[in-house]
PDB file of N, CA and C in Angstrom:
ATOM      1  N   UNK A   1      32.487  12.872  -6.316  1.00  0.00           N
ATOM      2  CA  UNK A   1      31.094  13.191  -6.049  1.00  0.00           C
ATOM      3  C   UNK A   1      31.035  14.542  -5.335  1.00  0.00           C
ATOM      4  N   UNK A   2      30.181  15.467  -5.794  1.00  0.00           N
ATOM      5  CA  UNK A   2      30.137  16.787  -5.170  1.00  0.00           C
ATOM      6  C   UNK A   2      29.557  16.728  -3.764  1.00  0.00           C
ATOM      7  N   UNK A   3      29.990  17.677  -2.943  1.00  0.00           N
ATOM      8  CA  UNK A   3      29.473  17.789  -1.573  1.00  0.00           C
ATOM      9  C   UNK A   3      27.993  18.141  -1.619  1.00  0.00           C
ATOM     10  N   UNK A   4      27.172  17.533  -0.761  1.00  0.00           N
ATOM     11  CA  UNK A   4      25.766  17.924  -0.725  1.00  0.00           C
ATOM     12  C   UNK A   4      25.644  19.340  -0.184  1.00  0.00           C
ATOM     13  N   UNK A   5      24.636  20.028  -0.667  1.00  0.00           N
ATOM     14  CA  UNK A   5      24.375  21.397  -0.237  1.00  0.00           C
ATOM     15  C   UNK A   5      24.040  21.415   1.253  1.00  0.00           C
ATOM     16  N   UNK A   6      24.612  22.373   1.971  1.00  0.00           N
ATOM     17  CA  UNK A   6      24.280  22.519   3.381  1.00  0.00           C
ATOM     18  C   UNK A   6      22.911  23.187   3.479  1.00  0.00           C
ATOM     19  N   UNK A   7      22.055  22.608   4.277  1.00  0.00           N
ATOM     20  CA  UNK A   7      20.683  23.096   4.394  1.00  0.00           C
ATOM     21  C   UNK A   7      20.446  23.605   5.806  1.00  0.00           C
ATOM     22  N   UNK A   8      19.896  24.782   5.917  1.00  0.00           N
ATOM     23  CA  UNK A   8      19.524  25.364   7.205  1.00  0.00           C
ATOM     24  C   UNK A   8      18.142  24.831   7.566  1.00  0.00           C
ATOM     25  N   UNK A   9      18.083  23.947   8.574  1.00  0.00           N
ATOM     26  CA  UNK A   9      16.810  23.302   8.923  1.00  0.00           C
ATOM     27  C   UNK A   9      15.763  24.318   9.368  1.00  0.00           C
ATOM     28  N   UNK A  10      16.190  25.387  10.035  1.00  0.00           N
ATOM     29  CA  UNK A  10      15.235  26.437  10.410  1.00  0.00           C
ATOM     30  C   UNK A  10      14.579  27.039   9.181  1.00  0.00           C
ATOM     31  N   UNK A  11      15.363  27.256   8.135  1.00  0.00           N
ATOM     32  CA  UNK A  11      14.833  27.791   6.881  1.00  0.00           C
ATOM     33  C   UNK A  11      13.898  26.769   6.231  1.00  0.00           C
ATOM     34  N   UNK A  12      14.277  25.495   6.286  1.00  0.00           N
ATOM     35  CA  UNK A  12      13.429  24.447   5.714  1.00  0.00           C
ATOM     36  C   UNK A  12      12.081  24.410   6.434  1.00  0.00           C
ATOM     37  N   UNK A  13      12.099  24.532   7.775  1.00  0.00           N
ATOM     38  CA  UNK A  13      10.838  24.552   8.530  1.00  0.00           C
ATOM     39  C   UNK A  13       9.969  25.723   8.082  1.00  0.00           C
ATOM     40  N   UNK A  14      10.600  26.873   7.830  1.00  0.00           N
ATOM     41  CA  UNK A  14       9.847  28.024   7.328  1.00  0.00           C
ATOM     42  C   UNK A  14       9.258  27.720   5.957  1.00  0.00           C
ATOM     43  N   UNK A  15      10.062  27.128   5.069  1.00  0.00           N
ATOM     44  CA  UNK A  15       9.583  26.771   3.733  1.00  0.00           C
ATOM     45  C   UNK A  15       8.476  25.715   3.791  1.00  0.00           C
ATOM     46  N   UNK A  16       8.548  24.833   4.787  1.00  0.00           N
ATOM     47  CA  UNK A  16       7.519  23.809   4.965  1.00  0.00           C
ATOM     48  C   UNK A  16       6.238  24.399   5.544  1.00  0.00           C
ATOM     49  N   UNK A  17       6.295  25.653   5.967  1.00  0.00           N
ATOM     50  CA  UNK A  17       5.127  26.264   6.596  1.00  0.00           C
ATOM     51  C   UNK A  17       4.840  25.666   7.951  1.00  0.00           C
ATOM     52  N   UNK A  18       5.877  25.168   8.637  1.00  0.00           N
ATOM     53  CA  UNK A  18       5.689  24.526   9.943  1.00  0.00           C
ATOM     54  C   UNK A  18       5.184  25.548  10.943  1.00  0.00           C
ATOM     55  N   UNK A  19       4.028  25.240  11.536  1.00  0.00           N
ATOM     56  CA  UNK A  19       3.472  26.142  12.538  1.00  0.00           C
ATOM     57  C   UNK A  19       2.720  25.355  13.590  1.00  0.00           C
ATOM     58  N   UNK A  20       2.817  25.870  14.789  1.00  0.00           N
ATOM     59  CA  UNK A  20       2.124  25.216  15.892  1.00  0.00           C
ATOM     60  C   UNK A  20       0.638  25.508  15.811  1.00  0.00           C
ATOM     61  N   UNK A  21      -0.140  24.475  16.043  1.00  0.00           N
ATOM     62  CA  UNK A  21      -1.595  24.578  16.080  1.00  0.00           C
ATOM     63  C   UNK A  21      -2.046  23.915  17.362  1.00  0.00           C
ATOM     64  N   UNK A  22      -3.304  23.995  17.646  1.00  0.00           N
ATOM     65  CA  UNK A  22      -3.835  23.413  18.865  1.00  0.00           C
ATOM     66  C   UNK A  22      -3.540  21.916  18.924  1.00  0.00           C
ATOM     67  N   UNK A  23      -2.689  21.516  19.862  1.00  0.00           N
ATOM     68  CA  UNK A  23      -2.401  20.096  20.063  1.00  0.00           C
ATOM     69  C   UNK A  23      -1.281  19.521  19.227  1.00  0.00           C
ATOM     70  N   UNK A  24      -0.618  20.336  18.397  1.00  0.00           N
ATOM     71  CA  UNK A  24       0.456  19.781  17.576  1.00  0.00           C
ATOM     72  C   UNK A  24       1.053  20.792  16.629  1.00  0.00           C
ATOM     73  N   UNK A  25       1.639  20.285  15.566  1.00  0.00           N
ATOM     74  CA  UNK A  25       2.294  21.129  14.570  1.00  0.00           C
ATOM     75  C   UNK A  25       1.859  20.676  13.179  1.00  0.00           C
ATOM     76  N   UNK A  26       1.680  21.638  12.271  1.00  0.00           N
ATOM     77  CA  UNK A  26       1.339  21.314  10.886  1.00  0.00           C
ATOM     78  C   UNK A  26       2.453  21.797   9.974  1.00  0.00           C
ATOM     79  N   UNK A  27       2.584  21.129   8.825  1.00  0.00           N
ATOM     80  CA  UNK A  27       3.591  21.519   7.845  1.00  0.00           C
ATOM     81  C   UNK A  27       3.258  20.881   6.501  1.00  0.00           C
ATOM     82  N   UNK A  28       3.863  21.399   5.451  1.00  0.00           N
ATOM     83  CA  UNK A  28       3.655  20.896   4.097  1.00  0.00           C
ATOM     84  C   UNK A  28       4.822  20.012   3.672  1.00  0.00           C
ATOM     85  N   UNK A  29       4.518  18.977   2.912  1.00  0.00           N
ATOM     86  CA  UNK A  29       5.549  18.122   2.316  1.00  0.00           C
ATOM     87  C   UNK A  29       5.187  17.872   0.854  1.00  0.00           C
ATOM     88  N   UNK A  30       6.185  17.486   0.087  1.00  0.00           N
ATOM     89  CA  UNK A  30       5.940  17.019  -1.273  1.00  0.00           C
ATOM     90  C   UNK A  30       6.163  15.516  -1.255  1.00  0.00           C
ATOM     91  N   UNK A  31       5.145  14.756  -1.602  1.00  0.00           N
ATOM     92  CA  UNK A  31       5.224  13.287  -1.603  1.00  0.00           C
ATOM     93  C   UNK A  31       5.336  12.801  -3.045  1.00  0.00           C
ATOM     94  N   UNK A  32       6.262  11.878  -3.267  1.00  0.00           N
ATOM     95  CA  UNK A  32       6.463  11.313  -4.601  1.00  0.00           C
ATOM     96  C   UNK A  32       6.254   9.802  -4.507  1.00  0.00           C
ATOM     97  N   UNK A  33       5.086   9.316  -4.974  1.00  0.00           N
ATOM     98  CA  UNK A  33       4.810   7.877  -4.914  1.00  0.00           C
ATOM     99  C   UNK A  33       5.564   7.112  -5.993  1.00  0.00           C
ATOM    100  N   UNK A  34       5.518   5.789  -5.888  1.00  0.00           N
ATOM    101  CA  UNK A  34       6.146   4.871  -6.850  1.00  0.00           C
ATOM    102  C   UNK A  34       7.638   5.105  -6.996  1.00  0.00           C
ATOM    103  N   UNK A  35       8.300   5.344  -5.885  1.00  0.00           N
ATOM    104  CA  UNK A  35       9.761   5.502  -5.889  1.00  0.00           C
ATOM    105  C   UNK A  35      10.396   4.174  -5.516  1.00  0.00           C
ATOM    106  N   UNK A  36      11.702   4.071  -5.654  1.00  0.00           N
ATOM    107  CA  UNK A  36      12.402   2.829  -5.370  1.00  0.00           C
ATOM    108  C   UNK A  36      12.324   2.401  -3.916  1.00  0.00           C
ATOM    109  N   UNK A  37      12.308   3.369  -3.004  1.00  0.00           N
ATOM    110  CA  UNK A  37      12.232   3.059  -1.573  1.00  0.00           C
ATOM    111  C   UNK A  37      11.660   4.268  -0.840  1.00  0.00           C
ATOM    112  N   UNK A  38      11.285   4.067   0.406  1.00  0.00           N
ATOM    113  CA  UNK A  38      10.822   5.180   1.218  1.00  0.00           C
ATOM    114  C   UNK A  38      12.044   5.960   1.689  1.00  0.00           C
ATOM    115  N   UNK A  39      12.045   7.254   1.432  1.00  0.00           N
ATOM    116  CA  UNK A  39      13.150   8.099   1.864  1.00  0.00           C
ATOM    117  C   UNK A  39      12.668   9.538   1.987  1.00  0.00           C
ATOM    118  N   UNK A  40      13.480  10.333   2.658  1.00  0.00           N
ATOM    119  CA  UNK A  40      13.123  11.725   2.902  1.00  0.00           C
ATOM    120  C   UNK A  40      14.384  12.557   2.722  1.00  0.00           C
ATOM    121  N   UNK A  41      14.233  13.755   2.149  1.00  0.00           N
ATOM    122  CA  UNK A  41      15.374  14.648   2.035  1.00  0.00           C
ATOM    123  C   UNK A  41      14.910  16.092   2.127  1.00  0.00           C
ATOM    124  N   UNK A  42      15.833  16.912   2.543  1.00  0.00           N
ATOM    125  CA  UNK A  42      15.567  18.340   2.652  1.00  0.00           C
ATOM    126  C   UNK A  42      16.084  19.043   1.416  1.00  0.00           C
ATOM    127  N   UNK A  43      15.365  20.051   0.980  1.00  0.00           N
ATOM    128  CA  UNK A  43      15.853  20.955  -0.053  1.00  0.00           C
ATOM    129  C   UNK A  43      15.587  22.357   0.458  1.00  0.00           C
ATOM    130  N   UNK A  44      16.118  23.333  -0.217  1.00  0.00           N
ATOM    131  CA  UNK A  44      15.881  24.721   0.190  1.00  0.00           C
ATOM    132  C   UNK A  44      14.396  25.066   0.110  1.00  0.00           C
ATOM    133  N   UNK A  45      13.633  24.315  -0.678  1.00  0.00           N
ATOM    134  CA  UNK A  45      12.207  24.611  -0.814  1.00  0.00           C
ATOM    135  C   UNK A  45      11.320  23.739   0.067  1.00  0.00           C
ATOM    136  N   UNK A  46      11.904  22.916   0.938  1.00  0.00           N
ATOM    137  CA  UNK A  46      11.088  22.139   1.857  1.00  0.00           C
ATOM    138  C   UNK A  46      11.507  20.682   1.970  1.00  0.00           C
ATOM    139  N   UNK A  47      10.549  19.866   2.393  1.00  0.00           N
ATOM    140  CA  UNK A  47      10.782  18.455   2.660  1.00  0.00           C
ATOM    141  C   UNK A  47      10.154  17.614   1.554  1.00  0.00           C
ATOM    142  N   UNK A  48      10.953  16.725   0.968  1.00  0.00           N
ATOM    143  CA  UNK A  48      10.473  15.831  -0.082  1.00  0.00           C
ATOM    144  C   UNK A  48      10.523  14.408   0.461  1.00  0.00           C
ATOM    145  N   UNK A  49       9.407  13.690   0.316  1.00  0.00           N
ATOM    146  CA  UNK A  49       9.321  12.317   0.800  1.00  0.00           C
ATOM    147  C   UNK A  49       8.994  11.401  -0.376  1.00  0.00           C
ATOM    148  N   UNK A  50       9.871  10.436  -0.620  1.00  0.00           N
ATOM    149  CA  UNK A  50       9.643   9.452  -1.667  1.00  0.00           C
ATOM    150  C   UNK A  50       9.048   8.203  -1.025  1.00  0.00           C
ATOM    151  N   UNK A  51       8.052   7.633  -1.701  1.00  0.00           N
ATOM    152  CA  UNK A  51       7.332   6.470  -1.180  1.00  0.00           C
ATOM    153  C   UNK A  51       7.315   5.347  -2.213  1.00  0.00           C
ATOM    154  N   UNK A  52       7.495   4.123  -1.748  1.00  0.00           N
ATOM    155  CA  UNK A  52       7.444   2.964  -2.645  1.00  0.00           C
ATOM    156  C   UNK A  52       6.043   2.727  -3.186  1.00  0.00           C
ATOM    157  N   UNK A  53       5.051   2.918  -2.371  1.00  0.00           N
ATOM    158  CA  UNK A  53       3.694   2.526  -2.746  1.00  0.00           C
ATOM    159  C   UNK A  53       3.088   3.455  -3.800  1.00  0.00           C
ATOM    160  N   UNK A  54       2.157   2.894  -4.578  1.00  0.00           N
ATOM    161  CA  UNK A  54       1.472   3.681  -5.604  1.00  0.00           C
ATOM    162  C   UNK A  54       0.346   4.509  -4.988  1.00  0.00           C
ATOM    163  N   UNK A  55      -0.059   5.574  -5.682  1.00  0.00           N
ATOM    164  CA  UNK A  55      -1.144   6.409  -5.171  1.00  0.00           C
ATOM    165  C   UNK A  55      -2.519   5.829  -5.514  1.00  0.00           C
ATOM    166  N   UNK A  56      -2.722   4.591  -5.145  1.00  0.00           N
ATOM    167  CA  UNK A  56      -3.972   3.902  -5.461  1.00  0.00           C
ATOM    168  C   UNK A  56      -4.625   3.449  -4.162  1.00  0.00           C
ATOM    169  N   UNK A  57      -5.890   3.764  -4.006  1.00  0.00           N
ATOM    170  CA  UNK A  57      -6.632   3.304  -2.835  1.00  0.00           C
ATOM    171  C   UNK A  57      -6.085   3.816  -1.513  1.00  0.00           C
ATOM    172  N   UNK A  58      -5.405   4.946  -1.523  1.00  0.00           N
ATOM    173  CA  UNK A  58      -4.884   5.519  -0.282  1.00  0.00           C
ATOM    174  C   UNK A  58      -3.609   4.873   0.241  1.00  0.00           C
ATOM    175  N   UNK A  59      -3.019   3.955  -0.547  1.00  0.00           N
ATOM    176  CA  UNK A  59      -1.816   3.246  -0.079  1.00  0.00           C
ATOM    177  C   UNK A  59      -0.646   4.196   0.158  1.00  0.00           C
ATOM    178  N   UNK A  60      -0.420   5.133  -0.756  1.00  0.00           N
ATOM    179  CA  UNK A  60       0.703   6.068  -0.596  1.00  0.00           C
ATOM    180  C   UNK A  60       0.477   6.978   0.609  1.00  0.00           C
ATOM    181  N   UNK A  61      -0.757   7.406   0.842  1.00  0.00           N
ATOM    182  CA  UNK A  61      -1.044   8.255   1.995  1.00  0.00           C
ATOM    183  C   UNK A  61      -0.800   7.506   3.305  1.00  0.00           C
ATOM    184  N   UNK A  62      -1.215   6.270   3.362  1.00  0.00           N
ATOM    185  CA  UNK A  62      -0.991   5.461   4.567  1.00  0.00           C
ATOM    186  C   UNK A  62       0.504   5.216   4.772  1.00  0.00           C
ATOM    187  N   UNK A  63       1.197   4.932   3.682  1.00  0.00           N
ATOM    188  CA  UNK A  63       2.639   4.738   3.743  1.00  0.00           C
ATOM    189  C   UNK A  63       3.332   6.019   4.224  1.00  0.00           C
ATOM    190  N   UNK A  64       2.884   7.156   3.739  1.00  0.00           N
ATOM    191  CA  UNK A  64       3.429   8.450   4.160  1.00  0.00           C
ATOM    192  C   UNK A  64       3.248   8.655   5.656  1.00  0.00           C
ATOM    193  N   UNK A  65       2.049   8.412   6.155  1.00  0.00           N
ATOM    194  CA  UNK A  65       1.766   8.578   7.594  1.00  0.00           C
ATOM    195  C   UNK A  65       2.677   7.689   8.431  1.00  0.00           C
ATOM    196  N   UNK A  66       2.769   6.427   8.052  1.00  0.00           N
ATOM    197  CA  UNK A  66       3.588   5.473   8.812  1.00  0.00           C
ATOM    198  C   UNK A  66       5.080   5.812   8.728  1.00  0.00           C
ATOM    199  N   UNK A  67       5.540   6.191   7.549  1.00  0.00           N
ATOM    200  CA  UNK A  67       6.947   6.538   7.372  1.00  0.00           C
ATOM    201  C   UNK A  67       7.313   7.768   8.201  1.00  0.00           C
ATOM    202  N   UNK A  68       6.474   8.800   8.150  1.00  0.00           N
ATOM    203  CA  UNK A  68       6.735   9.997   8.956  1.00  0.00           C
ATOM    204  C   UNK A  68       6.727   9.674  10.441  1.00  0.00           C
ATOM    205  N   UNK A  69       5.749   8.908  10.886  1.00  0.00           N
ATOM    206  CA  UNK A  69       5.662   8.547  12.303  1.00  0.00           C
ATOM    207  C   UNK A  69       6.916   7.791  12.727  1.00  0.00           C
ATOM    208  N   UNK A  70       7.349   6.836  11.927  1.00  0.00           N
ATOM    209  CA  UNK A  70       8.542   6.066  12.250  1.00  0.00           C
ATOM    210  C   UNK A  70       9.776   6.965  12.288  1.00  0.00           C
ATOM    211  N   UNK A  71       9.924   7.827  11.316  1.00  0.00           N
ATOM    212  CA  UNK A  71      11.074   8.726  11.243  1.00  0.00           C
ATOM    213  C   UNK A  71      11.109   9.688  12.429  1.00  0.00           C
ATOM    214  N   UNK A  72       9.932  10.156  12.849  1.00  0.00           N
ATOM    215  CA  UNK A  72       9.854  11.115  13.954  1.00  0.00           C
ATOM    216  C   UNK A  72       9.798  10.432  15.316  1.00  0.00           C
ATOM    217  N   UNK A  73       9.747   9.092  15.320  1.00  0.00           N
ATOM    218  CA  UNK A  73       9.699   8.351  16.581  1.00  0.00           C
ATOM    219  C   UNK A  73       8.352   8.442  17.281  1.00  0.00           C
ATOM    220  N   UNK A  74       7.279   8.460  16.487  1.00  0.00           N
ATOM    221  CA  UNK A  74       5.925   8.589  17.029  1.00  0.00           C
ATOM    222  C   UNK A  74       5.061   7.405  16.614  1.00  0.00           C
ATOM    223  N   UNK A  75       3.913   7.287  17.254  1.00  0.00           N
ATOM    224  CA  UNK A  75       2.957   6.249  16.847  1.00  0.00           C
ATOM    225  C   UNK A  75       2.256   6.720  15.560  1.00  0.00           C
ATOM    226  N   UNK A  76       1.878   5.814  14.672  1.00  0.00           N
ATOM    227  CA  UNK A  76       1.262   6.203  13.398  1.00  0.00           C
ATOM    228  C   UNK A  76       0.004   7.062  13.553  1.00  0.00           C
ATOM    229  N   UNK A  77      -0.764   6.840  14.608  1.00  0.00           N
ATOM    230  CA  UNK A  77      -1.979   7.614  14.814  1.00  0.00           C
ATOM    231  C   UNK A  77      -1.733   9.081  15.121  1.00  0.00           C
ATOM    232  N   UNK A  78      -0.488   9.448  15.428  1.00  0.00           N
ATOM    233  CA  UNK A  78      -0.163  10.844  15.738  1.00  0.00           C
ATOM    234  C   UNK A  78       0.013  11.681  14.477  1.00  0.00           C
ATOM    235  N   UNK A  79       0.109  11.035  13.321  1.00  0.00           N
ATOM    236  CA  UNK A  79       0.329  11.734  12.055  1.00  0.00           C
ATOM    237  C   UNK A  79      -0.920  11.634  11.198  1.00  0.00           C
ATOM    238  N   UNK A  80      -1.397  12.786  10.722  1.00  0.00           N
ATOM    239  CA  UNK A  80      -2.562  12.770   9.837  1.00  0.00           C
ATOM    240  C   UNK A  80      -2.350  13.732   8.676  1.00  0.00           C
ATOM    241  N   UNK A  81      -3.078  13.485   7.605  1.00  0.00           N
ATOM    242  CA  UNK A  81      -3.023  14.349   6.431  1.00  0.00           C
ATOM    243  C   UNK A  81      -4.218  15.286   6.508  1.00  0.00           C
ATOM    244  N   UNK A  82      -3.935  16.580   6.633  1.00  0.00           N
ATOM    245  CA  UNK A  82      -4.991  17.583   6.765  1.00  0.00           C
ATOM    246  C   UNK A  82      -5.607  17.945   5.413  1.00  0.00           C
ATOM    247  N   UNK A  83      -4.759  18.028   4.387  1.00  0.00           N
ATOM    248  CA  UNK A  83      -5.251  18.342   3.046  1.00  0.00           C
ATOM    249  C   UNK A  83      -4.262  17.829   2.014  1.00  0.00           C
ATOM    250  N   UNK A  84      -4.730  17.682   0.791  1.00  0.00           N
ATOM    251  CA  UNK A  84      -3.878  17.221  -0.291  1.00  0.00           C
ATOM    252  C   UNK A  84      -3.842  15.722  -0.459  1.00  0.00           C
ATOM    253  N   UNK A  85      -4.878  15.029  -0.029  1.00  0.00           N
ATOM    254  CA  UNK A  85      -4.878  13.564  -0.115  1.00  0.00           C
ATOM    255  C   UNK A  85      -4.713  13.043  -1.541  1.00  0.00           C
ATOM    256  N   UNK A  86      -5.152  13.806  -2.532  1.00  0.00           N
ATOM    257  CA  UNK A  86      -5.013  13.364  -3.923  1.00  0.00           C
ATOM    258  C   UNK A  86      -3.951  14.183  -4.672  1.00  0.00           C
ATOM    259  N   UNK A  87      -3.149  14.922  -3.942  1.00  0.00           N
ATOM    260  CA  UNK A  87      -2.120  15.767  -4.525  1.00  0.00           C
ATOM    261  C   UNK A  87      -0.748  15.339  -4.022  1.00  0.00           C
ATOM    262  N   UNK A  88       0.297  15.744  -4.726  1.00  0.00           N
ATOM    263  CA  UNK A  88       1.646  15.471  -4.225  1.00  0.00           C
ATOM    264  C   UNK A  88       1.986  16.390  -3.060  1.00  0.00           C
ATOM    265  N   UNK A  89       1.429  17.581  -3.061  1.00  0.00           N
ATOM    266  CA  UNK A  89       1.667  18.535  -1.966  1.00  0.00           C
ATOM    267  C   UNK A  89       0.615  18.294  -0.893  1.00  0.00           C
ATOM    268  N   UNK A  90       1.079  17.945   0.295  1.00  0.00           N
ATOM    269  CA  UNK A  90       0.167  17.557   1.380  1.00  0.00           C
ATOM    270  C   UNK A  90       0.461  18.355   2.643  1.00  0.00           C
ATOM    271  N   UNK A  91      -0.597  18.712   3.337  1.00  0.00           N
ATOM    272  CA  UNK A  91      -0.445  19.363   4.633  1.00  0.00           C
ATOM    273  C   UNK A  91      -0.585  18.284   5.699  1.00  0.00           C
ATOM    274  N   UNK A  92       0.450  18.173   6.525  1.00  0.00           N
ATOM    275  CA  UNK A  92       0.539  17.138   7.554  1.00  0.00           C
ATOM    276  C   UNK A  92       0.309  17.772   8.926  1.00  0.00           C
ATOM    277  N   UNK A  93      -0.349  17.036   9.809  1.00  0.00           N
ATOM    278  CA  UNK A  93      -0.500  17.456  11.199  1.00  0.00           C
ATOM    279  C   UNK A  93       0.078  16.355  12.079  1.00  0.00           C
ATOM    280  N   UNK A  94       0.956  16.758  12.997  1.00  0.00           N
ATOM    281  CA  UNK A  94       1.536  15.808  13.936  1.00  0.00           C
ATOM    282  C   UNK A  94       1.087  16.201  15.335  1.00  0.00           C
ATOM    283  N   UNK A  95       0.320  15.326  15.929  1.00  0.00           N
ATOM    284  CA  UNK A  95      -0.245  15.550  17.263  1.00  0.00           C
ATOM    285  C   UNK A  95       0.841  15.443  18.335  1.00  0.00           C
ATOM    286  N   UNK A  96       0.781  16.370  19.292  1.00  0.00           N
ATOM    287  CA  UNK A  96       1.668  16.299  20.450  1.00  0.00           C
ATOM    288  C   UNK A  96       3.083  16.762  20.199  1.00  0.00           C
ATOM    289  N   UNK A  97       3.329  17.442  19.079  1.00  0.00           N
ATOM    290  CA  UNK A  97       4.673  17.900  18.758  1.00  0.00           C
ATOM    291  C   UNK A  97       4.639  19.414  18.544  1.00  0.00           C
ATOM    292  N   UNK A  98       5.667  20.097  18.986  1.00  0.00           N
ATOM    293  CA  UNK A  98       5.798  21.532  18.746  1.00  0.00           C
ATOM    294  C   UNK A  98       6.709  21.736  17.534  1.00  0.00           C
ATOM    295  N   UNK A  99       6.825  22.981  17.095  1.00  0.00           N
ATOM    296  CA  UNK A  99       7.739  23.285  15.994  1.00  0.00           C
ATOM    297  C   UNK A  99       9.172  22.916  16.397  1.00  0.00           C
ATOM    298  N   UNK A 100       9.556  23.246  17.620  1.00  0.00           N
ATOM    299  CA  UNK A 100      10.897  22.904  18.101  1.00  0.00           C
ATOM    300  C   UNK A 100      11.052  21.389  18.197  1.00  0.00           C
ATOM    301  N   UNK A 101       9.998  20.700  18.611  1.00  0.00           N
ATOM    302  CA  UNK A 101      10.028  19.239  18.677  1.00  0.00           C
ATOM    303  C   UNK A 101      10.190  18.624  17.299  1.00  0.00           C
ATOM    304  N   UNK A 102       9.527  19.206  16.299  1.00  0.00           N
ATOM    305  CA  UNK A 102       9.674  18.745  14.923  1.00  0.00           C
ATOM    306  C   UNK A 102      11.117  18.958  14.466  1.00  0.00           C
ATOM    307  N   UNK A 103      11.653  20.131  14.751  1.00  0.00           N
ATOM    308  CA  UNK A 103      13.047  20.444  14.421  1.00  0.00           C
ATOM    309  C   UNK A 103      13.980  19.402  15.030  1.00  0.00           C
ATOM    310  N   UNK A 104      13.821  19.147  16.335  1.00  0.00           N
ATOM    311  CA  UNK A 104      14.679  18.185  17.039  1.00  0.00           C
ATOM    312  C   UNK A 104      14.545  16.779  16.458  1.00  0.00           C
ATOM    313  N   UNK A 105      13.302  16.364  16.157  1.00  0.00           N
ATOM    314  CA  UNK A 105      13.074  15.021  15.622  1.00  0.00           C
ATOM    315  C   UNK A 105      13.704  14.868  14.241  1.00  0.00           C
ATOM    316  N   UNK A 106      13.615  15.896  13.403  1.00  0.00           N
ATOM    317  CA  UNK A 106      14.200  15.822  12.071  1.00  0.00           C
ATOM    318  C   UNK A 106      15.727  15.804  12.142  1.00  0.00           C
ATOM    319  N   UNK A 107      16.294  16.581  13.048  1.00  0.00           N
ATOM    320  CA  UNK A 107      17.745  16.586  13.217  1.00  0.00           C
ATOM    321  C   UNK A 107      18.225  15.215  13.694  1.00  0.00           C
ATOM    322  N   UNK A 108      17.538  14.644  14.664  1.00  0.00           N
ATOM    323  CA  UNK A 108      17.968  13.352  15.218  1.00  0.00           C
ATOM    324  C   UNK A 108      17.677  12.184  14.272  1.00  0.00           C
ATOM    325  N   UNK A 109      16.856  12.384  13.249  1.00  0.00           N
ATOM    326  CA  UNK A 109      16.543  11.311  12.302  1.00  0.00           C
ATOM    327  C   UNK A 109      17.730  10.987  11.390  1.00  0.00           C
ATOM    328  N   UNK A 110      18.748  11.830  11.388  1.00  0.00           N
ATOM    329  CA  UNK A 110      19.966  11.600  10.594  1.00  0.00           C
ATOM    330  C   UNK A 110      19.625  11.330   9.135  1.00  0.00           C
ATOM    331  N   UNK A 111      18.866  12.226   8.551  1.00  0.00           N
ATOM    332  CA  UNK A 111      18.503  12.110   7.144  1.00  0.00           C
ATOM    333  C   UNK A 111      19.686  12.498   6.264  1.00  0.00           C
ATOM    334  N   UNK A 112      19.687  12.037   5.018  1.00  0.00           N
ATOM    335  CA  UNK A 112      20.786  12.382   4.117  1.00  0.00           C
ATOM    336  C   UNK A 112      20.882  13.884   3.909  1.00  0.00           C
ATOM    337  N   UNK A 113      22.072  14.372   3.676  1.00  0.00           N
ATOM    338  CA  UNK A 113      22.292  15.785   3.441  1.00  0.00           C
ATOM    339  C   UNK A 113      22.882  16.439   4.682  1.00  0.00           C
ATOM    340  N   UNK A 114      23.411  17.584   4.488  1.00  0.00           N
ATOM    341  CA  UNK A 114      24.026  18.304   5.601  1.00  0.00           C
ATOM    342  C   UNK A 114      23.012  19.290   6.172  1.00  0.00           C
ATOM    343  N   UNK A 115      22.909  19.298   7.475  1.00  0.00           N
ATOM    344  CA  UNK A 115      22.038  20.246   8.169  1.00  0.00           C
ATOM    345  C   UNK A 115      22.889  21.169   8.991  1.00  0.00           C
ATOM    346  N   UNK A 116      22.421  22.388   9.163  1.00  0.00           N
ATOM    347  CA  UNK A 116      23.111  23.308  10.073  1.00  0.00           C
ATOM    348  C   UNK A 116      22.085  24.037  10.884  1.00  0.00           C
TER     349      UNK A 116
END
């Protein structure tokens, strides 16, 4: 099995458009509903989140919020979708977190793939 590509998390944050805003940090993710399980991975082009739930009645969006909150060690109410509710590309806002805090939380989440 080939070695996974080493990913520079700082570069990924830049690709995600992670920026501090009043009261928190915003960033973009690509959400893929109807996947086998909830999971998250980094690529050179950003953060991809796979969700079990279908994009019907807001289920995938709610699942995304809860999954991100759990992964980042936050309460679900701290994560909101700013735009892209009906799109795979979504802008996320996390209340009470800085860009560095997001970096630290993603590193400590021990997601698949190599980070540097």
